[in-house]
């Protein structure tokens, strides 16, 4: 699925860069351009694509200091500058837009929902969010920001693909090493997903194209993406169990949003050498995903890719009922209660059930 990336804030810009570099390294050609947007001038340095500095009249290029209400105000005021940077980039060949942002900071969590709403007004292609939840050790302000931003962003986007930092953090890593490793993991997952419908050498038994991704995410709300891989046997018959085991690991332990198994829709993609992908294994795995998610809308297919491994992707749409979401929203609520009263806003846990949430917009 040919896509344009818009990275907002520091985390959004870095993840967009990782996605672009992965796509170029693999030669997929599924990412058709990227733009980074930020209120902090320093965070736009060293990004290999066009950058837009917003809020110069308010914050003078120094960022919004984690204030996501200010981040939303600045984006609302300077949206036209961002749209100008997109002129000529969203052509007939672009099938979707991904707004990429960390939900814990100020520029990303505040600006992403505002820009997404405006993009929805202008363009007819899907506008998806790729949002990063802060880890539990990243501080109360980041929890509250993400709690306040989460439902807003999910409501404005056609779907919000969520990444939980805690799912990828390893013991002993520095903060920088941890974030870099997370970005690499997510770039591999999302990069393979977007590339799976592109023209490649080899012919798939069951073709996966952009319409499969769009239909899986059509229900909107929160989405998750699982991944697992293993060394492949030289022939398809020897990989039936491999496909089953990687599918189970992708959904149960390799998801961007752990414990998100109940879903409205799902898409299973098995990538690997064309002759090593077993049709029987793909179909068995698809039926298992159907049973595990409780969804009757489970699509499946394969992605021919020159590799000595079998890789499995499981895209889930409509996972708002996830225990992980409830746990996070409670964590955000607890963090907010610990703040001084004059700094408190509406309870994030209550906001998740409130269809009139407009605080950031």
Protein backbone atom coordinates (compact mmCIF):
# COMPACT_ATOMS: atom_id res chain seq x y z
CA UNK A 1 0.00 0.00 0.00
CA UNK A 2 1.72 3.13 -1.25
CA UNK A 3 1.72 5.63 1.62
CA UNK A 4 2.86 9.09 2.63
CA UNK A 5 4.21 9.56 6.17
CA UNK A 6 3.80 12.66 8.34
CA UNK A 7 5.89 12.44 11.50
CA UNK A 8 4.80 14.85 14.24
CA UNK A 9 6.97 15.60 17.26
CA UNK A 10 10.32 14.07 18.13
CA UNK A 11 9.16 10.45 18.34
CA UNK A 12 7.04 10.76 15.20
CA UNK A 13 9.91 12.19 13.17
CA UNK A 14 12.34 9.49 14.28
CA UNK A 15 9.94 6.64 13.57
CA UNK A 16 9.10 8.12 10.16
CA UNK A 17 12.83 8.21 9.37
CA UNK A 18 13.22 4.57 10.42
CA UNK A 19 10.30 3.56 8.21
CA UNK A 20 11.72 5.41 5.21
CA UNK A 21 15.17 3.87 5.71
CA UNK A 22 13.74 0.35 6.09
CA UNK A 23 11.63 0.74 2.94
CA UNK A 24 14.65 1.95 0.97
CA UNK A 25 16.93 -0.75 2.37
CA UNK A 26 14.48 -3.49 1.38
CA UNK A 27 13.73 -1.90 -2.00
CA UNK A 28 9.96 -2.08 -1.49
CA UNK A 29 9.03 1.40 -2.74
CA UNK A 30 5.83 1.46 -0.74
CA UNK A 31 6.59 4.73 1.07
CA UNK A 32 6.15 7.53 -1.43
CA UNK A 33 7.36 10.41 0.70
CA UNK A 34 7.64 11.79 4.21
CA UNK A 35 7.34 15.11 6.01
CA UNK A 36 8.34 15.88 9.61
CA UNK A 37 6.52 18.50 11.68
CA UNK A 38 7.64 19.84 15.05
CA UNK A 39 7.61 22.84 17.37
CA UNK A 40 11.25 22.20 18.38
CA UNK A 41 13.81 23.20 15.77
CA UNK A 42 16.53 20.93 17.16
CA UNK A 43 14.37 17.83 16.70
CA UNK A 44 14.09 18.46 12.95
CA UNK A 45 17.82 18.23 12.36
CA UNK A 46 19.26 15.20 10.55
CA UNK A 47 15.91 14.07 9.13
CA UNK A 48 16.38 13.09 5.45
CA UNK A 49 13.13 14.59 4.17
CA UNK A 50 11.23 17.87 4.24
CA UNK A 51 10.65 19.40 7.65
CA UNK A 52 8.15 22.00 8.86
CA UNK A 53 8.74 24.09 12.00
CA UNK A 54 5.42 25.28 13.45
CA UNK A 55 4.55 27.57 16.37
CA UNK A 56 7.49 29.92 15.88
CA UNK A 57 5.42 32.91 17.01
CA UNK A 58 4.43 31.09 20.21
CA UNK A 59 7.41 28.97 21.28
CA UNK A 60 10.28 30.35 19.13
CA UNK A 61 11.43 26.92 18.01
CA UNK A 62 11.94 25.60 21.55
CA UNK A 63 9.02 23.13 21.68
CA UNK A 64 5.86 23.13 23.76
CA UNK A 65 7.41 21.60 26.86
CA UNK A 66 5.10 18.57 26.96
CA UNK A 67 1.95 20.73 26.92
CA UNK A 68 -0.31 18.90 24.48
CA UNK A 69 -3.06 21.52 24.65
CA UNK A 70 -0.51 24.05 23.43
CA UNK A 71 0.64 21.53 20.82
CA UNK A 72 -2.96 21.29 19.57
CA UNK A 73 -3.36 25.07 19.49
CA UNK A 74 -0.14 25.55 17.55
CA UNK A 75 -1.07 22.89 15.00
CA UNK A 76 -4.50 24.42 14.56
CA UNK A 77 -2.92 27.84 13.92
CA UNK A 78 -0.22 26.58 11.53
CA UNK A 79 -2.01 23.77 9.71
CA UNK A 80 -1.74 25.62 6.40
CA UNK A 81 2.06 25.52 6.61
CA UNK A 82 1.92 21.73 6.89
CA UNK A 83 -0.61 21.42 4.08
CA UNK A 84 1.64 23.57 1.86
CA UNK A 85 4.48 21.11 2.43
CA UNK A 86 2.17 18.32 1.23
CA UNK A 87 1.33 20.07 -2.06
CA UNK A 88 2.20 17.80 -4.96
CA UNK A 89 3.11 14.88 -2.70
CA UNK A 90 -0.30 13.26 -2.39
CA UNK A 91 -0.80 12.12 -5.97
CA UNK A 92 -3.03 9.49 -7.54
CA UNK A 93 -0.40 6.86 -6.71
CA UNK A 94 -0.65 7.43 -2.95
CA UNK A 95 -3.21 5.12 -1.34
CA UNK A 96 -3.04 6.23 2.30
CA UNK A 97 -1.57 8.78 4.70
CA UNK A 98 -0.02 7.77 8.01
CA UNK A 99 0.23 10.41 10.75
CA UNK A 100 2.99 9.16 13.06
CA UNK A 101 3.34 10.48 16.61
CA UNK A 102 4.40 9.64 20.13
CA UNK A 103 1.38 10.09 22.39
CA UNK A 104 3.33 11.08 25.48
CA UNK A 105 4.90 14.37 24.38
CA UNK A 106 3.29 17.70 23.61
CA UNK A 107 3.72 18.33 19.88
CA UNK A 108 2.79 14.82 18.76
CA UNK A 109 -0.07 13.99 21.11
CA UNK A 110 -1.62 17.43 20.70
CA UNK A 111 -0.89 18.07 17.04
CA UNK A 112 -1.60 14.66 15.50
CA UNK A 113 -5.39 14.62 16.09
CA UNK A 114 -5.72 18.21 14.83
CA UNK A 115 -3.82 17.55 11.62
CA UNK A 116 -5.60 14.23 11.08
CA UNK A 117 -8.98 15.95 11.27
CA UNK A 118 -7.90 18.50 8.65
CA UNK A 119 -6.47 15.84 6.34
CA UNK A 120 -9.76 13.94 6.52
CA UNK A 121 -11.57 17.06 5.31
CA UNK A 122 -9.29 17.49 2.30
CA UNK A 123 -8.33 14.03 1.03
CA UNK A 124 -10.45 11.04 -0.01
CA UNK A 125 -7.84 8.39 0.79
CA UNK A 126 -7.63 6.77 4.25
CA UNK A 127 -5.80 8.74 6.94
CA UNK A 128 -4.37 6.38 9.55
CA UNK A 129 -2.60 7.11 12.80
CA UNK A 130 0.51 5.34 14.04
CA UNK A 131 0.69 6.17 17.73
CA UNK A 132 3.27 5.23 20.35
CA UNK A 133 2.16 4.74 23.96
CA UNK A 134 4.72 5.77 26.61
CA UNK A 135 6.18 3.08 28.85
CA UNK A 136 5.06 2.91 32.45
CA UNK A 137 8.41 4.34 33.63
CA UNK A 138 8.33 7.45 31.41
CA UNK A 139 6.72 9.77 33.95
CA UNK A 140 3.24 10.92 34.97
CA UNK A 141 3.01 13.80 32.47
CA UNK A 142 3.53 11.41 29.55
CA UNK A 143 0.86 9.03 30.85
CA UNK A 144 -1.67 11.83 31.20
CA UNK A 145 -0.86 13.27 27.77
CA UNK A 146 -1.33 9.88 26.12
CA UNK A 147 -4.52 9.22 28.04
CA UNK A 148 -6.00 12.52 26.89
CA UNK A 149 -4.81 12.10 23.29
CA UNK A 150 -5.57 8.44 22.68
CA UNK A 151 -9.29 8.48 22.07
CA UNK A 152 -9.16 11.81 20.23
CA UNK A 153 -6.57 10.54 17.76
CA UNK A 154 -8.41 7.22 17.30
CA UNK A 155 -11.66 9.04 16.61
CA UNK A 156 -10.19 11.40 14.02
CA UNK A 157 -8.17 8.74 12.14
CA UNK A 158 -9.68 6.01 9.99
CA UNK A 159 -7.84 3.69 12.39
CA UNK A 160 -5.06 4.16 14.95
CA UNK A 161 -2.32 1.52 14.85
CA UNK A 162 -1.04 1.49 18.42
CA UNK A 163 2.46 0.65 19.65
CA UNK A 164 3.02 0.02 23.36
CA UNK A 165 6.62 0.84 24.30
CA UNK A 166 6.47 -1.65 27.18
CA UNK A 167 5.98 -4.48 24.69
CA UNK A 168 9.45 -3.95 23.22
CA UNK A 169 11.60 -2.57 26.03
CA UNK A 170 14.48 -4.85 27.07
CA UNK A 171 16.22 -4.86 30.45
CA UNK A 172 19.59 -3.16 30.58
CA UNK A 173 19.03 -0.84 27.62
CA UNK A 174 19.62 2.89 27.87
CA UNK A 175 16.68 5.15 27.01
CA UNK A 176 18.20 5.95 23.59
CA UNK A 177 19.00 2.31 22.85
CA UNK A 178 15.51 1.30 23.91
CA UNK A 179 13.74 3.81 21.66
CA UNK A 180 16.02 2.99 18.71
CA UNK A 181 15.31 -0.73 19.11
CA UNK A 182 11.55 -0.09 19.30
CA UNK A 183 11.68 2.02 16.14
CA UNK A 184 13.52 -0.74 14.28
CA UNK A 185 10.97 -3.34 15.40
CA UNK A 186 8.01 -1.20 14.36
CA UNK A 187 9.61 -0.20 11.05
CA UNK A 188 10.01 -3.87 10.16
CA UNK A 189 6.40 -4.67 11.02
CA UNK A 190 4.77 -1.68 9.35
CA UNK A 191 7.21 -1.75 6.43
CA UNK A 192 6.34 -5.37 5.64
CA UNK A 193 2.63 -4.65 6.00
CA UNK A 194 2.72 -1.75 3.54
CA UNK A 195 4.93 -3.68 1.10
CA UNK A 196 2.87 -6.88 1.14
CA UNK A 197 0.61 -5.76 -1.70
CA UNK A 198 3.33 -4.29 -3.87
CA UNK A 199 4.66 -5.86 -7.08
CA UNK A 200 7.46 -8.29 -6.24
CA UNK A 201 9.30 -11.13 -7.93
CA UNK A 202 7.16 -14.23 -7.67
CA UNK A 203 3.42 -14.80 -7.68
CA UNK A 204 1.48 -15.24 -4.46
CA UNK A 205 -0.96 -18.13 -4.08
CA UNK A 206 -3.41 -15.75 -2.44
CA UNK A 207 -2.63 -12.15 -3.27
CA UNK A 208 -2.66 -9.54 -0.51
CA UNK A 209 -3.21 -6.00 -1.75
CA UNK A 210 -3.98 -2.61 -0.26
CA UNK A 211 -7.73 -3.28 -0.25
CA UNK A 212 -7.17 -6.11 2.26
CA UNK A 213 -5.45 -3.70 4.65
CA UNK A 214 -8.11 -1.02 4.15
CA UNK A 215 -10.96 -3.48 4.72
CA UNK A 216 -9.32 -4.88 7.86
CA UNK A 217 -9.05 -1.37 9.30
CA UNK A 218 -12.46 -0.24 8.07
CA UNK A 219 -14.08 -0.67 11.47
CA UNK A 220 -11.89 2.16 12.77
CA UNK A 221 -10.79 2.56 16.37
CA UNK A 222 -7.62 0.92 17.66
CA UNK A 223 -5.51 -1.50 15.61
CA UNK A 224 -2.53 -3.70 16.52
CA UNK A 225 0.12 -5.47 14.48
CA UNK A 226 1.85 -8.72 15.46
CA UNK A 227 5.02 -10.22 13.98
CA UNK A 228 7.14 -13.36 14.34
CA UNK A 229 9.61 -15.21 12.15
CA UNK A 230 11.53 -18.49 12.07
CA UNK A 231 14.02 -20.31 9.87
CA UNK A 232 12.26 -21.95 6.93
CA UNK A 233 12.54 -25.50 5.62
CA UNK A 234 13.42 -25.75 1.91
CA UNK A 235 9.98 -27.04 0.90
CA UNK A 236 6.43 -25.94 1.65
CA UNK A 237 5.35 -29.20 3.33
CA UNK A 238 8.05 -28.75 5.95
CA UNK A 239 6.79 -25.28 6.87
CA UNK A 240 3.19 -26.02 7.84
CA UNK A 241 4.05 -26.16 11.54
CA UNK A 242 6.37 -23.16 11.14
CA UNK A 243 3.53 -21.03 9.80
CA UNK A 244 1.28 -22.15 12.65
CA UNK A 245 3.89 -21.45 15.35
CA UNK A 246 4.89 -18.03 13.97
CA UNK A 247 1.21 -17.08 13.69
CA UNK A 248 0.62 -17.98 17.34
CA UNK A 249 3.71 -16.05 18.45
CA UNK A 250 2.79 -13.03 16.31
CA UNK A 251 -0.63 -12.77 17.92
CA UNK A 252 0.06 -13.90 21.47
CA UNK A 253 3.54 -12.57 22.21
CA UNK A 254 4.72 -10.46 19.27
CA UNK A 255 1.97 -7.86 19.08
CA UNK A 256 2.49 -4.10 19.14
CA UNK A 257 -0.34 -4.08 21.70
CA UNK A 258 -0.02 -7.15 23.94
CA UNK A 259 -3.13 -8.94 25.20
CA UNK A 260 -5.16 -7.57 22.29
CA UNK A 261 -6.67 -10.75 20.89
CA UNK A 262 -10.39 -9.94 20.58
CA UNK A 263 -10.80 -8.05 17.30
CA UNK A 264 -13.48 -6.97 14.84
CA UNK A 265 -11.33 -7.98 11.85
CA UNK A 266 -7.92 -9.47 11.12
CA UNK A 267 -5.45 -9.93 8.28
CA UNK A 268 -2.86 -12.73 8.23
CA UNK A 269 0.16 -12.32 5.93
CA UNK A 270 2.81 -15.01 5.55
CA UNK A 271 6.03 -13.78 3.92
CA UNK A 272 8.89 -15.86 2.60
CA UNK A 273 10.29 -17.72 -0.37
CA UNK A 274 7.49 -18.45 -2.80
CA UNK A 275 8.20 -22.20 -2.90
CA UNK A 276 8.48 -22.46 0.89
CA UNK A 277 5.07 -21.03 1.81
CA UNK A 278 2.52 -23.83 2.38
CA UNK A 279 -1.01 -23.06 1.29
CA UNK A 280 -2.33 -25.61 3.80
CA UNK A 281 -0.38 -23.90 6.59
CA UNK A 282 -1.68 -20.44 5.68
CA UNK A 283 -5.27 -21.66 5.67
CA UNK A 284 -4.88 -23.47 9.00
CA UNK A 285 -3.31 -20.39 10.53
CA UNK A 286 -6.10 -18.18 9.19
CA UNK A 287 -8.73 -20.42 10.80
CA UNK A 288 -6.81 -20.37 14.09
CA UNK A 289 -6.75 -16.55 14.02
CA UNK A 290 -10.49 -16.60 13.38
CA UNK A 291 -11.05 -18.76 16.46
CA UNK A 292 -8.65 -16.78 18.64
CA UNK A 293 -10.00 -13.33 17.76
CA UNK A 294 -13.68 -14.29 17.63
CA UNK A 295 -13.96 -12.48 14.30
CA UNK A 296 -15.58 -13.79 11.12
CA UNK A 297 -13.72 -11.14 9.10
CA UNK A 298 -10.29 -12.76 8.93
CA UNK A 299 -8.45 -12.41 5.65
CA UNK A 300 -5.27 -14.22 4.73
CA UNK A 301 -2.62 -14.35 2.05
CA UNK A 302 1.07 -14.69 1.29
CA UNK A 303 3.83 -12.30 0.28
CA UNK A 304 6.65 -13.77 -1.88
CA UNK A 305 9.91 -12.47 -0.49
CA UNK A 306 13.45 -13.70 -1.10
CA UNK A 307 14.42 -14.97 2.33
CA UNK A 308 15.56 -18.08 4.18
CA UNK A 309 12.94 -17.39 6.88
CA UNK A 310 9.18 -17.50 7.22
CA UNK A 311 7.68 -14.31 8.66
CA UNK A 312 4.10 -13.88 9.80
CA UNK A 313 2.19 -10.62 10.26
CA UNK A 314 -1.19 -10.41 11.98
CA UNK A 315 -3.04 -7.10 11.64
CA UNK A 316 -5.96 -6.66 14.04
CA UNK A 317 -8.67 -4.05 13.60
CA UNK A 318 -11.04 -2.92 16.34
CA UNK A 319 -9.21 -3.98 19.51
CA UNK A 320 -10.64 -1.35 21.88
CA UNK A 321 -11.75 -4.11 24.25
CA UNK A 322 -8.12 -4.97 24.98
CA UNK A 323 -7.15 -5.35 28.63
CA UNK A 324 -3.99 -3.44 27.75
CA UNK A 325 -6.03 -0.38 26.78
CA UNK A 326 -8.03 -0.51 30.00
CA UNK A 327 -4.87 -0.91 32.05
CA UNK A 328 -3.19 2.00 30.31
CA UNK A 329 -6.18 4.32 30.70
CA UNK A 330 -6.32 3.48 34.41
CA UNK A 331 -2.59 4.23 34.67
CA UNK A 332 -3.16 7.59 32.98
CA UNK A 333 -6.06 8.31 35.34
CA UNK A 334 -3.94 7.45 38.40
CA UNK A 335 -1.12 9.69 37.14
CA UNK A 336 -3.52 12.57 36.66
CA UNK A 337 -4.98 12.19 40.16
CA UNK A 338 -1.46 12.55 41.51
CA UNK A 339 -1.07 15.97 39.83
CA UNK A 340 -1.98 19.25 41.56
CA UNK A 341 -5.67 20.05 41.28
CA UNK A 342 -5.13 23.15 39.14
CA UNK A 343 -3.25 21.02 36.60
CA UNK A 344 -5.90 18.30 36.37
CA UNK A 345 -8.29 17.88 33.45
CA UNK A 346 -11.10 15.41 32.84
CA UNK A 347 -10.32 11.87 33.95
CA UNK A 348 -8.80 10.02 30.95
CA UNK A 349 -10.53 6.79 31.93
CA UNK A 350 -13.88 8.59 31.82
CA UNK A 351 -12.94 10.24 28.52
CA UNK A 352 -12.48 6.85 26.87
CA UNK A 353 -16.19 6.24 27.31
CA UNK A 354 -17.19 9.79 26.39
CA UNK A 355 -18.18 10.31 22.74
CA UNK A 356 -17.99 14.09 23.18
CA UNK A 357 -14.24 14.22 23.93
CA UNK A 358 -13.01 17.44 22.32
CA UNK A 359 -10.49 18.71 24.87
CA UNK A 360 -7.52 18.77 22.52
CA UNK A 361 -9.42 20.22 19.57
